[in-house]
Amino acid sequence: MESRHLNAADGIRGVAVLIVLLQHLSAMLFPSTAPYISGMGKYGVWLFFVLSAFLLSYKFFYKGFSVRELTSYCVGRVIRIIPLFAIAVTIYCYAGYYPVEKIPSVLAFDIGFYHMWTIPVEFKFYFVLPVFAFIYFYIFKKLNKSSVFIILCIFSIAIHQLFFPESKTPSSVEYTSYTTWYLPCFLFGIMAATLYVNRDFNVNGRVSDFIVTAIFIAMIIASPGMLNFLFAAPMTDYLGREFVPLSLGWAIVLMLLIDGRGVWGRVVSSKALTYLGKWSFSIYLFHYIIFVEISKNHSYSISYAAIALASAIFIGAVFYYLVEMNLEKSRHMLMRAMSSQ
């Protein structure tokens, strides 16, 4: 069975990387804004996690769990992530962001560093994702009732929180690469994919726009600056650990927008966000060093902030076309060679 093209997938990925870019840009080049937006870059991170689990589970639903598909999946994940990650790690090391002796630990995903702590978290989950996807699909097929399925999913995540509560998630960047803590992000993505592929919901564009707008407003209000303005609440970085409710919100947004439904669906399906989404992995890897270096001598400059943003996107696009696309071609060639044996 062939999977349908998801019109807004790349655009939603573009939204995720744009959130990270804008938060880091503001915090680095305009440091006084940092307390007001602290943790908001994680909105983009949680969206990346949910979207990744959604898309990979979606493919498994249509292609199945055969040995060939599982092999293709594993090879594809390794080729897509490891080479470019290794290049980024080497660049950051020789730019002086961490000592050479840490390279083996970083490449082995034993520790995270700076913004790239997310790569080990996501990559490690890739190897258990097929198991969770198969279980979720099997349970839904047996229940054939979305309400009971959703309750079971929420209950399983509640059980997870008893042992790995989000409030206790390690804050040190070297230890945030423990995937277990962030399991709910990925499980919500698999849950959303399971519901989506079974077409067990029917929402028109207006209702979709209303729900998505309500979720976006809630996310804005949840920012430290807005909470301080509205309720005089102290500004903290609490958002960095609120991945359970935020991931649930993103899972709902995904189900509503992935087809390009409504006004918001058309926005995330735009060419600009689609291209940004295609380049997002490279942009994510290399934007940090660009922002840091420019911020050293050009803080509080709108012109240099624009230059930093444009440079990050440009460098991401260059790495996409020169490295990522060639890696993807290599993956296809390898899979053809393996299938012919």
C-alpha atoms as a PDB file:
ATOM      1  CA  MET A   1       0.000   0.000   0.000  1.00  0.00           C
ATOM      2  CA  GLU A   2       1.403   3.403  -0.990  1.00  0.00           C
ATOM      3  CA  SER A   3       1.343   6.225   1.537  1.00  0.00           C
ATOM      4  CA  ARG A   4      -0.266   9.513   0.557  1.00  0.00           C
ATOM      5  CA  HIS A   5       1.849  12.640   0.253  1.00  0.00           C
ATOM      6  CA  LEU A   6       1.505  14.819   3.335  1.00  0.00           C
ATOM      7  CA  ASN A   7       1.268  18.334   1.939  1.00  0.00           C
ATOM      8  CA  ALA A   8       2.322  20.236   5.033  1.00  0.00           C
ATOM      9  CA  ALA A   9       4.995  17.916   6.477  1.00  0.00           C
ATOM     10  CA  ASP A  10       8.006  19.942   5.341  1.00  0.00           C
ATOM     11  CA  GLY A  11       6.280  23.204   6.190  1.00  0.00           C
ATOM     12  CA  ILE A  12       5.594  22.061   9.748  1.00  0.00           C
ATOM     13  CA  ARG A  13       9.238  21.075  10.033  1.00  0.00           C
ATOM     14  CA  GLY A  14      10.010  24.585   8.820  1.00  0.00           C
ATOM     15  CA  VAL A  15       7.875  26.010  11.629  1.00  0.00           C
ATOM     16  CA  ALA A  16       9.845  23.947  14.152  1.00  0.00           C
ATOM     17  CA  VAL A  17      13.242  25.183  12.997  1.00  0.00           C
ATOM     18  CA  LEU A  18      11.956  28.769  12.699  1.00  0.00           C
ATOM     19  CA  ILE A  19      10.851  28.701  16.349  1.00  0.00           C
ATOM     20  CA  VAL A  20      14.329  27.544  17.403  1.00  0.00           C
ATOM     21  CA  LEU A  21      16.028  30.130  15.194  1.00  0.00           C
ATOM     22  CA  LEU A  22      13.991  33.088  16.441  1.00  0.00           C
ATOM     23  CA  GLN A  23      14.329  32.169  20.109  1.00  0.00           C
ATOM     24  CA  HIS A  24      18.090  31.680  19.881  1.00  0.00           C
ATOM     25  CA  LEU A  25      18.511  34.790  17.739  1.00  0.00           C
ATOM     26  CA  SER A  26      16.616  36.971  20.187  1.00  0.00           C
ATOM     27  CA  ALA A  27      18.321  35.538  23.281  1.00  0.00           C
ATOM     28  CA  MET A  28      21.840  35.783  21.813  1.00  0.00           C
ATOM     29  CA  LEU A  29      21.754  39.081  19.946  1.00  0.00           C
ATOM     30  CA  PHE A  30      19.316  40.822  22.291  1.00  0.00           C
ATOM     31  CA  PRO A  31      20.242  39.327  25.694  1.00  0.00           C
ATOM     32  CA  SER A  32      17.760  41.440  27.663  1.00  0.00           C
ATOM     33  CA  THR A  33      14.904  39.542  25.975  1.00  0.00           C
ATOM     34  CA  ALA A  34      16.171  36.159  27.197  1.00  0.00           C
ATOM     35  CA  PRO A  35      14.185  35.995  30.473  1.00  0.00           C
ATOM     36  CA  TYR A  36      10.929  36.789  28.659  1.00  0.00           C
ATOM     37  CA  ILE A  37      11.292  33.967  26.134  1.00  0.00           C
ATOM     38  CA  SER A  38      13.276  31.477  28.196  1.00  0.00           C
ATOM     39  CA  GLY A  39      12.528  27.901  27.139  1.00  0.00           C
ATOM     40  CA  MET A  40      10.397  28.851  24.144  1.00  0.00           C
ATOM     41  CA  GLY A  41      12.945  27.418  21.729  1.00  0.00           C
ATOM     42  CA  LYS A  42      11.950  24.039  23.158  1.00  0.00           C
ATOM     43  CA  TYR A  43       8.574  24.516  21.465  1.00  0.00           C
ATOM     44  CA  GLY A  44      10.409  23.820  18.229  1.00  0.00           C
ATOM     45  CA  VAL A  45      12.336  20.892  19.731  1.00  0.00           C
ATOM     46  CA  TRP A  46       9.188  19.149  20.984  1.00  0.00           C
ATOM     47  CA  LEU A  47       7.581  19.722  17.584  1.00  0.00           C
ATOM     48  CA  PHE A  48      10.597  18.096  15.906  1.00  0.00           C
ATOM     49  CA  PHE A  49      10.276  15.070  18.201  1.00  0.00           C
ATOM     50  CA  VAL A  50       6.529  14.673  17.678  1.00  0.00           C
ATOM     51  CA  LEU A  51       6.734  15.228  13.921  1.00  0.00           C
ATOM     52  CA  SER A  52       9.602  12.777  13.480  1.00  0.00           C
ATOM     53  CA  ALA A  53       7.733  10.010  15.320  1.00  0.00           C
ATOM     54  CA  PHE A  54       4.557  10.835  13.380  1.00  0.00           C
ATOM     55  CA  LEU A  55       6.143  10.668   9.922  1.00  0.00           C
ATOM     56  CA  LEU A  56       8.196   7.525  10.532  1.00  0.00           C
ATOM     57  CA  SER A  57       5.218   5.708  12.073  1.00  0.00           C
ATOM     58  CA  TYR A  58       3.050   6.840   9.179  1.00  0.00           C
ATOM     59  CA  LYS A  59       5.461   5.204   6.720  1.00  0.00           C
ATOM     60  CA  PHE A  60       5.466   1.952   8.685  1.00  0.00           C
ATOM     61  CA  PHE A  61       1.682   1.817   8.580  1.00  0.00           C
ATOM     62  CA  TYR A  62       1.702   1.764   4.785  1.00  0.00           C
ATOM     63  CA  LYS A  63       4.924  -0.134   4.112  1.00  0.00           C
ATOM     64  CA  GLY A  64       4.700  -2.671   6.913  1.00  0.00           C
ATOM     65  CA  PHE A  65       7.312  -4.142   9.232  1.00  0.00           C
ATOM     66  CA  SER A  66       9.076  -6.574   6.927  1.00  0.00           C
ATOM     67  CA  VAL A  67      12.786  -7.276   7.347  1.00  0.00           C
ATOM     68  CA  ARG A  68      13.520  -5.282   4.212  1.00  0.00           C
ATOM     69  CA  GLU A  69      11.567  -2.268   5.436  1.00  0.00           C
ATOM     70  CA  LEU A  70      13.174  -2.408   8.882  1.00  0.00           C
ATOM     71  CA  THR A  71      16.618  -2.673   7.282  1.00  0.00           C
ATOM     72  CA  SER A  72      15.887   0.248   4.968  1.00  0.00           C
ATOM     73  CA  TYR A  73      14.621   2.242   7.925  1.00  0.00           C
ATOM     74  CA  CYS A  74      17.722   1.627  10.065  1.00  0.00           C
ATOM     75  CA  VAL A  75      20.153   2.267   7.216  1.00  0.00           C
ATOM     76  CA  GLY A  76      18.247   5.401   6.266  1.00  0.00           C
ATOM     77  CA  ARG A  77      18.345   6.821   9.788  1.00  0.00           C
ATOM     78  CA  VAL A  78      22.073   6.191  10.151  1.00  0.00           C
ATOM     79  CA  ILE A  79      22.972   7.697   6.765  1.00  0.00           C
ATOM     80  CA  ARG A  80      20.726  10.712   7.280  1.00  0.00           C
ATOM     81  CA  ILE A  81      21.937  11.589  10.788  1.00  0.00           C
ATOM     82  CA  ILE A  82      25.462  10.376  11.498  1.00  0.00           C
ATOM     83  CA  PRO A  83      27.621  11.856   8.676  1.00  0.00           C
ATOM     84  CA  LEU A  84      26.243  15.387   8.907  1.00  0.00           C
ATOM     85  CA  PHE A  85      26.225  15.244  12.705  1.00  0.00           C
ATOM     86  CA  ALA A  86      29.891  14.172  12.654  1.00  0.00           C
ATOM     87  CA  ILE A  87      30.736  17.096  10.369  1.00  0.00           C
ATOM     88  CA  ALA A  88      28.972  19.520  12.716  1.00  0.00           C
ATOM     89  CA  VAL A  89      30.661  18.053  15.799  1.00  0.00           C
ATOM     90  CA  THR A  90      34.073  18.437  14.154  1.00  0.00           C
ATOM     91  CA  ILE A  91      33.392  22.048  13.138  1.00  0.00           C
ATOM     92  CA  TYR A  92      32.221  23.030  16.620  1.00  0.00           C
ATOM     93  CA  CYS A  93      35.218  21.315  18.184  1.00  0.00           C
ATOM     94  CA  TYR A  94      37.810  23.030  16.041  1.00  0.00           C
ATOM     95  CA  ALA A  95      36.016  26.347  16.506  1.00  0.00           C
ATOM     96  CA  GLY A  96      36.782  25.961  20.200  1.00  0.00           C
ATOM     97  CA  TYR A  97      33.335  25.127  21.554  1.00  0.00           C
ATOM     98  CA  TYR A  98      34.552  22.025  23.387  1.00  0.00           C
ATOM     99  CA  PRO A  99      37.830  20.065  23.688  1.00  0.00           C
ATOM    100  CA  VAL A 100      38.980  17.477  21.151  1.00  0.00           C
ATOM    101  CA  GLU A 101      38.975  14.704  23.749  1.00  0.00           C
ATOM    102  CA  LYS A 102      35.197  14.963  24.005  1.00  0.00           C
ATOM    103  CA  ILE A 103      34.615  14.126  20.329  1.00  0.00           C
ATOM    104  CA  PRO A 104      34.386  10.334  20.869  1.00  0.00           C
ATOM    105  CA  SER A 105      31.810  10.758  23.664  1.00  0.00           C
ATOM    106  CA  VAL A 106      29.757  13.191  21.616  1.00  0.00           C
ATOM    107  CA  LEU A 107      29.818  10.998  18.494  1.00  0.00           C
ATOM    108  CA  ALA A 108      28.926   7.944  20.595  1.00  0.00           C
ATOM    109  CA  PHE A 109      25.909   9.875  21.939  1.00  0.00           C
ATOM    110  CA  ASP A 110      27.149   9.445  25.503  1.00  0.00           C
ATOM    111  CA  ILE A 111      26.806  13.168  26.127  1.00  0.00           C
ATOM    112  CA  GLY A 112      25.073  16.086  24.491  1.00  0.00           C
ATOM    113  CA  PHE A 113      26.424  19.569  23.939  1.00  0.00           C
ATOM    114  CA  TYR A 114      24.814  22.929  23.384  1.00  0.00           C
ATOM    115  CA  HIS A 115      21.710  22.729  21.191  1.00  0.00           C
ATOM    116  CA  MET A 116      22.737  19.383  19.665  1.00  0.00           C
ATOM    117  CA  TRP A 117      21.764  17.407  22.773  1.00  0.00           C
ATOM    118  CA  THR A 118      18.531  16.726  20.869  1.00  0.00           C
ATOM    119  CA  ILE A 119      20.254  14.587  18.217  1.00  0.00           C
ATOM    120  CA  PRO A 120      21.202  11.729  20.598  1.00  0.00           C
ATOM    121  CA  VAL A 121      17.730  11.813  22.142  1.00  0.00           C
ATOM    122  CA  GLU A 122      16.004  11.434  18.794  1.00  0.00           C
ATOM    123  CA  PHE A 123      18.494   9.031  17.235  1.00  0.00           C
ATOM    124  CA  LYS A 124      18.329   6.591  20.145  1.00  0.00           C
ATOM    125  CA  PHE A 125      14.555   6.507  19.939  1.00  0.00           C
ATOM    126  CA  TYR A 126      14.689   5.620  16.247  1.00  0.00           C
ATOM    127  CA  PHE A 127      15.749   2.086  17.119  1.00  0.00           C
ATOM    128  CA  VAL A 128      12.743   1.389  19.330  1.00  0.00           C
ATOM    129  CA  LEU A 129      10.217   3.384  17.302  1.00  0.00           C
ATOM    130  CA  PRO A 130       9.213   0.397  15.106  1.00  0.00           C
ATOM    131  CA  VAL A 131       8.347  -1.582  18.255  1.00  0.00           C
ATOM    132  CA  PHE A 132       6.119   1.174  19.643  1.00  0.00           C
ATOM    133  CA  ALA A 133       4.558   1.829  16.224  1.00  0.00           C
ATOM    134  CA  PHE A 134       3.704  -1.868  15.807  1.00  0.00           C
ATOM    135  CA  ILE A 135       2.190  -2.036  19.314  1.00  0.00           C
ATOM    136  CA  TYR A 136       0.118   1.113  18.810  1.00  0.00           C
ATOM    137  CA  PHE A 137      -1.158  -0.024  15.409  1.00  0.00           C
ATOM    138  CA  TYR A 138      -1.979  -3.481  16.775  1.00  0.00           C
ATOM    139  CA  ILE A 139      -3.843  -2.096  19.798  1.00  0.00           C
ATOM    140  CA  PHE A 140      -5.876   0.292  17.667  1.00  0.00           C
ATOM    141  CA  LYS A 141      -6.754  -2.493  15.242  1.00  0.00           C
ATOM    142  CA  LYS A 142      -7.974  -4.687  18.091  1.00  0.00           C
ATOM    143  CA  LEU A 143      -9.903  -1.907  19.844  1.00  0.00           C
ATOM    144  CA  ASN A 144     -11.136  -0.186  16.669  1.00  0.00           C
ATOM    145  CA  LYS A 145     -12.269   2.675  18.861  1.00  0.00           C
ATOM    146  CA  SER A 146     -10.293   5.903  19.036  1.00  0.00           C
ATOM    147  CA  SER A 147     -11.606   7.072  22.415  1.00  0.00           C
ATOM    148  CA  VAL A 148     -10.441   3.934  24.230  1.00  0.00           C
ATOM    149  CA  PHE A 149      -7.153   3.979  22.311  1.00  0.00           C
ATOM    150  CA  ILE A 150      -6.478   7.609  23.326  1.00  0.00           C
ATOM    151  CA  ILE A 151      -7.284   6.834  26.965  1.00  0.00           C
ATOM    152  CA  LEU A 152      -4.838   3.907  26.934  1.00  0.00           C
ATOM    153  CA  CYS A 153      -2.138   6.083  25.353  1.00  0.00           C
ATOM    154  CA  ILE A 154      -2.617   8.852  27.911  1.00  0.00           C
ATOM    155  CA  PHE A 155      -2.634   6.295  30.711  1.00  0.00           C
ATOM    156  CA  SER A 156       0.656   4.764  29.511  1.00  0.00           C
ATOM    157  CA  ILE A 157       2.268   8.212  29.443  1.00  0.00           C
ATOM    158  CA  ALA A 158       0.916   8.918  32.946  1.00  0.00           C
ATOM    159  CA  ILE A 159       2.595   5.707  34.130  1.00  0.00           C
ATOM    160  CA  HIS A 160       5.834   6.837  32.488  1.00  0.00           C
ATOM    161  CA  GLN A 161       5.602  10.130  34.380  1.00  0.00           C
ATOM    162  CA  LEU A 162       5.431   8.302  37.702  1.00  0.00           C
ATOM    163  CA  PHE A 163       8.948   7.008  37.084  1.00  0.00           C
ATOM    164  CA  PHE A 164      10.362   9.780  34.896  1.00  0.00           C
ATOM    165  CA  PRO A 165       8.463  12.969  35.822  1.00  0.00           C
ATOM    166  CA  GLU A 166       9.146  15.857  33.464  1.00  0.00           C
ATOM    167  CA  SER A 167       9.820  18.122  36.451  1.00  0.00           C
ATOM    168  CA  LYS A 168      12.873  15.992  37.282  1.00  0.00           C
ATOM    169  CA  THR A 169      14.308  15.936  33.771  1.00  0.00           C
ATOM    170  CA  PRO A 170      18.100  16.524  33.958  1.00  0.00           C
ATOM    171  CA  SER A 171      18.977  20.134  33.253  1.00  0.00           C
ATOM    172  CA  SER A 172      22.670  19.684  32.503  1.00  0.00           C
ATOM    173  CA  VAL A 173      23.152  19.655  28.731  1.00  0.00           C
ATOM    174  CA  GLU A 174      25.586  16.741  29.048  1.00  0.00           C
ATOM    175  CA  TYR A 175      22.887  14.540  30.539  1.00  0.00           C
ATOM    176  CA  THR A 176      19.789  15.650  28.688  1.00  0.00           C
ATOM    177  CA  SER A 177      20.612  13.119  25.970  1.00  0.00           C
ATOM    178  CA  TYR A 178      18.807  10.447  27.992  1.00  0.00           C
ATOM    179  CA  THR A 179      15.973   9.483  25.657  1.00  0.00           C
ATOM    180  CA  THR A 180      13.846   7.852  28.368  1.00  0.00           C
ATOM    181  CA  TRP A 181      12.850  11.191  29.853  1.00  0.00           C
ATOM    182  CA  TYR A 182      11.455  12.466  26.547  1.00  0.00           C
ATOM    183  CA  LEU A 183       9.547   9.318  25.595  1.00  0.00           C
ATOM    184  CA  PRO A 184       6.115  11.061  25.793  1.00  0.00           C
ATOM    185  CA  CYS A 185       7.058  13.404  22.921  1.00  0.00           C
ATOM    186  CA  PHE A 186       7.595  10.491  20.574  1.00  0.00           C
ATOM    187  CA  LEU A 187       4.656   8.464  21.877  1.00  0.00           C
ATOM    188  CA  PHE A 188       2.282  11.354  21.197  1.00  0.00           C
ATOM    189  CA  GLY A 189       3.647  11.447  17.641  1.00  0.00           C
ATOM    190  CA  ILE A 190       2.998   7.722  17.170  1.00  0.00           C
ATOM    191  CA  MET A 191      -0.466   8.076  18.699  1.00  0.00           C
ATOM    192  CA  ALA A 192      -1.282  10.927  16.298  1.00  0.00           C
ATOM    193  CA  ALA A 193      -0.039   8.909  13.312  1.00  0.00           C
ATOM    194  CA  THR A 194      -2.152   5.916  14.351  1.00  0.00           C
ATOM    195  CA  LEU A 195      -5.290   8.022  14.608  1.00  0.00           C
ATOM    196  CA  TYR A 196      -4.497   9.846  11.374  1.00  0.00           C
ATOM    197  CA  VAL A 197      -3.914   6.793   9.195  1.00  0.00           C
ATOM    198  CA  ASN A 198      -7.156   5.227  10.445  1.00  0.00           C
ATOM    199  CA  ARG A 199      -9.017   8.415   9.502  1.00  0.00           C
ATOM    200  CA  ASP A 200     -10.926   8.282  12.769  1.00  0.00           C
ATOM    201  CA  PHE A 201     -11.630  12.002  12.869  1.00  0.00           C
ATOM    202  CA  ASN A 202     -13.334  14.458  10.561  1.00  0.00           C
ATOM    203  CA  VAL A 203     -12.701  18.146  11.151  1.00  0.00           C
ATOM    204  CA  ASN A 204     -13.432  20.907   8.651  1.00  0.00           C
ATOM    205  CA  GLY A 205     -11.143  23.834   7.969  1.00  0.00           C
ATOM    206  CA  ARG A 206     -12.886  26.344  10.236  1.00  0.00           C
ATOM    207  CA  VAL A 207     -12.908  24.056  13.240  1.00  0.00           C
ATOM    208  CA  SER A 208      -9.285  23.149  12.550  1.00  0.00           C
ATOM    209  CA  ASP A 209      -8.285  26.827  12.418  1.00  0.00           C
ATOM    210  CA  PHE A 210     -10.118  27.504  15.684  1.00  0.00           C
ATOM    211  CA  ILE A 211      -8.414  24.646  17.534  1.00  0.00           C
ATOM    212  CA  VAL A 212      -4.951  25.417  16.142  1.00  0.00           C
ATOM    213  CA  THR A 213      -5.331  29.130  16.948  1.00  0.00           C
ATOM    214  CA  ALA A 214      -6.406  28.282  20.506  1.00  0.00           C
ATOM    215  CA  ILE A 215      -3.327  26.062  20.956  1.00  0.00           C
ATOM    216  CA  PHE A 216      -1.008  28.747  19.568  1.00  0.00           C
ATOM    217  CA  ILE A 217      -2.524  31.383  21.873  1.00  0.00           C
ATOM    218  CA  ALA A 218      -2.108  29.048  24.852  1.00  0.00           C
ATOM    219  CA  MET A 219       1.562  28.541  23.946  1.00  0.00           C
ATOM    220  CA  ILE A 220       2.131  32.292  23.723  1.00  0.00           C
ATOM    221  CA  ILE A 221       0.406  32.920  27.059  1.00  0.00           C
ATOM    222  CA  ALA A 222       2.567  30.187  28.613  1.00  0.00           C
ATOM    223  CA  SER A 223       5.745  32.160  27.834  1.00  0.00           C
ATOM    224  CA  PRO A 224       7.553  33.584  30.894  1.00  0.00           C
ATOM    225  CA  GLY A 225       7.128  37.143  29.643  1.00  0.00           C
ATOM    226  CA  MET A 226       3.366  36.850  29.117  1.00  0.00           C
ATOM    227  CA  LEU A 227       2.824  35.118  32.457  1.00  0.00           C
ATOM    228  CA  ASN A 228       4.766  37.897  34.123  1.00  0.00           C
ATOM    229  CA  PHE A 229       2.775  40.566  32.289  1.00  0.00           C
ATOM    230  CA  LEU A 230      -0.634  39.002  32.895  1.00  0.00           C
ATOM    231  CA  PHE A 231      -0.206  37.495  36.364  1.00  0.00           C
ATOM    232  CA  ALA A 232       3.033  39.003  37.726  1.00  0.00           C
ATOM    233  CA  ALA A 233       4.479  35.471  37.796  1.00  0.00           C
ATOM    234  CA  PRO A 234       8.247  35.184  38.212  1.00  0.00           C
ATOM    235  CA  MET A 235      10.081  34.529  34.941  1.00  0.00           C
ATOM    236  CA  THR A 236      11.739  31.112  34.959  1.00  0.00           C
ATOM    237  CA  ASP A 237      12.877  28.535  32.414  1.00  0.00           C
ATOM    238  CA  TYR A 238      10.066  26.136  33.364  1.00  0.00           C
ATOM    239  CA  LEU A 239       9.060  25.660  29.713  1.00  0.00           C
ATOM    240  CA  GLY A 240      12.166  23.571  29.134  1.00  0.00           C
ATOM    241  CA  ARG A 241      10.519  20.765  31.100  1.00  0.00           C
ATOM    242  CA  GLU A 242       6.890  21.126  30.016  1.00  0.00           C
ATOM    243  CA  PHE A 243       7.250  18.725  27.098  1.00  0.00           C
ATOM    244  CA  VAL A 244       4.288  16.487  27.993  1.00  0.00           C
ATOM    245  CA  PRO A 245       1.456  19.038  27.534  1.00  0.00           C
ATOM    246  CA  LEU A 246       3.307  20.812  24.740  1.00  0.00           C
ATOM    247  CA  SER A 247       3.856  17.563  22.833  1.00  0.00           C
ATOM    248  CA  LEU A 248       0.179  16.720  23.183  1.00  0.00           C
ATOM    249  CA  GLY A 249      -0.668  20.143  21.776  1.00  0.00           C
ATOM    250  CA  TRP A 250       1.686  19.615  18.847  1.00  0.00           C
ATOM    251  CA  ALA A 251       0.244  16.154  18.200  1.00  0.00           C
ATOM    252  CA  ILE A 252      -3.222  17.697  17.837  1.00  0.00           C
ATOM    253  CA  VAL A 253      -1.844  20.416  15.559  1.00  0.00           C
ATOM    254  CA  LEU A 254      -0.176  17.776  13.383  1.00  0.00           C
ATOM    255  CA  MET A 255      -3.359  15.774  12.885  1.00  0.00           C
ATOM    256  CA  LEU A 256      -5.221  18.926  11.906  1.00  0.00           C
ATOM    257  CA  LEU A 257      -2.641  20.535   9.613  1.00  0.00           C
ATOM    258  CA  ILE A 258      -0.645  17.720   8.023  1.00  0.00           C
ATOM    259  CA  ASP A 259      -3.052  17.670   5.043  1.00  0.00           C
ATOM    260  CA  GLY A 260      -2.894  21.451   4.629  1.00  0.00           C
ATOM    261  CA  ARG A 261      -6.394  21.915   6.041  1.00  0.00           C
ATOM    262  CA  GLY A 262      -7.772  25.424   6.662  1.00  0.00           C
ATOM    263  CA  VAL A 263      -5.980  28.770   6.731  1.00  0.00           C
ATOM    264  CA  TRP A 264      -3.226  27.517   9.030  1.00  0.00           C
ATOM    265  CA  GLY A 265      -2.792  24.508   6.778  1.00  0.00           C
ATOM    266  CA  ARG A 266      -2.216  26.763   3.793  1.00  0.00           C
ATOM    267  CA  VAL A 267       0.276  28.813   5.786  1.00  0.00           C
ATOM    268  CA  VAL A 268       2.401  25.807   6.752  1.00  0.00           C
ATOM    269  CA  SER A 269       2.152  24.479   3.187  1.00  0.00           C
ATOM    270  CA  SER A 270       3.676  27.675   1.783  1.00  0.00           C
ATOM    271  CA  LYS A 271       6.810  27.437  -0.352  1.00  0.00           C
ATOM    272  CA  ALA A 272       8.877  29.458   2.118  1.00  0.00           C
ATOM    273  CA  LEU A 273       8.172  27.154   5.061  1.00  0.00           C
ATOM    274  CA  THR A 274       8.433  24.073   2.841  1.00  0.00           C
ATOM    275  CA  TYR A 275      11.960  24.996   1.754  1.00  0.00           C
ATOM    276  CA  LEU A 276      12.868  25.917   5.319  1.00  0.00           C
ATOM    277  CA  GLY A 277      11.665  22.486   6.375  1.00  0.00           C
ATOM    278  CA  LYS A 278      13.753  20.719   3.733  1.00  0.00           C
ATOM    279  CA  TRP A 279      16.856  22.531   4.959  1.00  0.00           C
ATOM    280  CA  SER A 280      15.915  22.316   8.644  1.00  0.00           C
ATOM    281  CA  PHE A 281      18.381  19.639   9.791  1.00  0.00           C
ATOM    282  CA  SER A 282      21.413  21.484   8.455  1.00  0.00           C
ATOM    283  CA  ILE A 283      20.045  24.834   9.641  1.00  0.00           C
ATOM    284  CA  TYR A 284      19.515  23.403  13.112  1.00  0.00           C
ATOM    285  CA  LEU A 285      23.031  21.979  13.300  1.00  0.00           C
ATOM    286  CA  PHE A 286      24.933  25.071  12.170  1.00  0.00           C
ATOM    287  CA  HIS A 287      22.858  28.093  13.192  1.00  0.00           C
ATOM    288  CA  TYR A 288      24.190  28.161  16.743  1.00  0.00           C
ATOM    289  CA  ILE A 289      27.822  28.820  15.843  1.00  0.00           C
ATOM    290  CA  ILE A 290      26.757  31.588  13.430  1.00  0.00           C
ATOM    291  CA  PHE A 291      24.593  33.312  16.035  1.00  0.00           C
ATOM    292  CA  VAL A 292      27.236  33.059  18.755  1.00  0.00           C
ATOM    293  CA  GLU A 293      30.046  34.430  16.612  1.00  0.00           C
ATOM    294  CA  ILE A 294      27.992  37.367  15.323  1.00  0.00           C
ATOM    295  CA  SER A 295      26.626  38.157  18.796  1.00  0.00           C
ATOM    296  CA  LYS A 296      30.154  38.576  20.201  1.00  0.00           C
ATOM    297  CA  ASN A 297      30.602  41.956  18.521  1.00  0.00           C
ATOM    298  CA  HIS A 298      27.150  42.934  17.284  1.00  0.00           C
ATOM    299  CA  SER A 299      24.619  42.655  20.096  1.00  0.00           C
ATOM    300  CA  TYR A 300      21.453  44.740  19.866  1.00  0.00           C
ATOM    301  CA  SER A 301      21.866  45.294  16.140  1.00  0.00           C
ATOM    302  CA  ILE A 302      18.776  44.597  14.041  1.00  0.00           C
ATOM    303  CA  SER A 303      20.887  44.655  10.877  1.00  0.00           C
ATOM    304  CA  TYR A 304      23.290  42.032  12.156  1.00  0.00           C
ATOM    305  CA  ALA A 305      20.396  39.976  13.527  1.00  0.00           C
ATOM    306  CA  ALA A 306      18.974  39.873   9.998  1.00  0.00           C
ATOM    307  CA  ILE A 307      22.411  38.947   8.636  1.00  0.00           C
ATOM    308  CA  ALA A 308      22.734  36.160  11.240  1.00  0.00           C
ATOM    309  CA  LEU A 309      19.313  34.738  10.381  1.00  0.00           C
ATOM    310  CA  ALA A 310      19.918  34.895   6.635  1.00  0.00           C
ATOM    311  CA  SER A 311      23.386  33.351   7.051  1.00  0.00           C
ATOM    312  CA  ALA A 312      22.037  30.442   9.095  1.00  0.00           C
ATOM    313  CA  ILE A 313      19.395  29.681   6.475  1.00  0.00           C
ATOM    314  CA  PHE A 314      21.890  30.047   3.616  1.00  0.00           C
ATOM    315  CA  ILE A 315      24.476  27.761   5.232  1.00  0.00           C
ATOM    316  CA  GLY A 316      21.725  25.233   5.984  1.00  0.00           C
ATOM    317  CA  ALA A 317      20.616  25.266   2.353  1.00  0.00           C
ATOM    318  CA  VAL A 318      24.198  24.816   1.137  1.00  0.00           C
ATOM    319  CA  PHE A 319      24.757  21.785   3.375  1.00  0.00           C
ATOM    320  CA  TYR A 320      21.404  20.366   2.311  1.00  0.00           C
ATOM    321  CA  TYR A 321      22.230  20.480  -1.400  1.00  0.00           C
ATOM    322  CA  LEU A 322      25.900  19.546  -1.114  1.00  0.00           C
ATOM    323  CA  VAL A 323      25.732  16.938   1.647  1.00  0.00           C
ATOM    324  CA  GLU A 324      22.229  15.816   2.581  1.00  0.00           C
ATOM    325  CA  MET A 325      20.991  15.217  -0.956  1.00  0.00           C
ATOM    326  CA  ASN A 326      24.089  13.192  -1.836  1.00  0.00           C
ATOM    327  CA  LEU A 327      23.708  11.151   1.337  1.00  0.00           C
ATOM    328  CA  GLU A 328      20.127  10.399   0.385  1.00  0.00           C
ATOM    329  CA  LYS A 329      21.224   9.277  -3.089  1.00  0.00           C
ATOM    330  CA  SER A 330      23.810   7.011  -1.454  1.00  0.00           C
ATOM    331  CA  ARG A 331      21.130   5.500   0.759  1.00  0.00           C
ATOM    332  CA  HIS A 332      18.942   4.659  -2.235  1.00  0.00           C
ATOM    333  CA  MET A 333      21.876   3.129  -4.080  1.00  0.00           C
ATOM    334  CA  LEU A 334      22.794   1.045  -1.055  1.00  0.00           C
ATOM    335  CA  MET A 335      19.251  -0.209  -0.613  1.00  0.00           C
ATOM    336  CA  ARG A 336      19.019  -1.170  -4.288  1.00  0.00           C
ATOM    337  CA  ALA A 337      22.277  -3.071  -3.969  1.00  0.00           C
ATOM    338  CA  MET A 338      21.065  -4.868  -0.847  1.00  0.00           C
ATOM    339  CA  SER A 339      17.735  -5.811  -2.431  1.00  0.00           C
ATOM    340  CA  SER A 340      19.440  -7.255  -5.517  1.00  0.00           C
ATOM    341  CA  GLN A 341      21.500  -9.712  -3.478  1.00  0.00           C
END
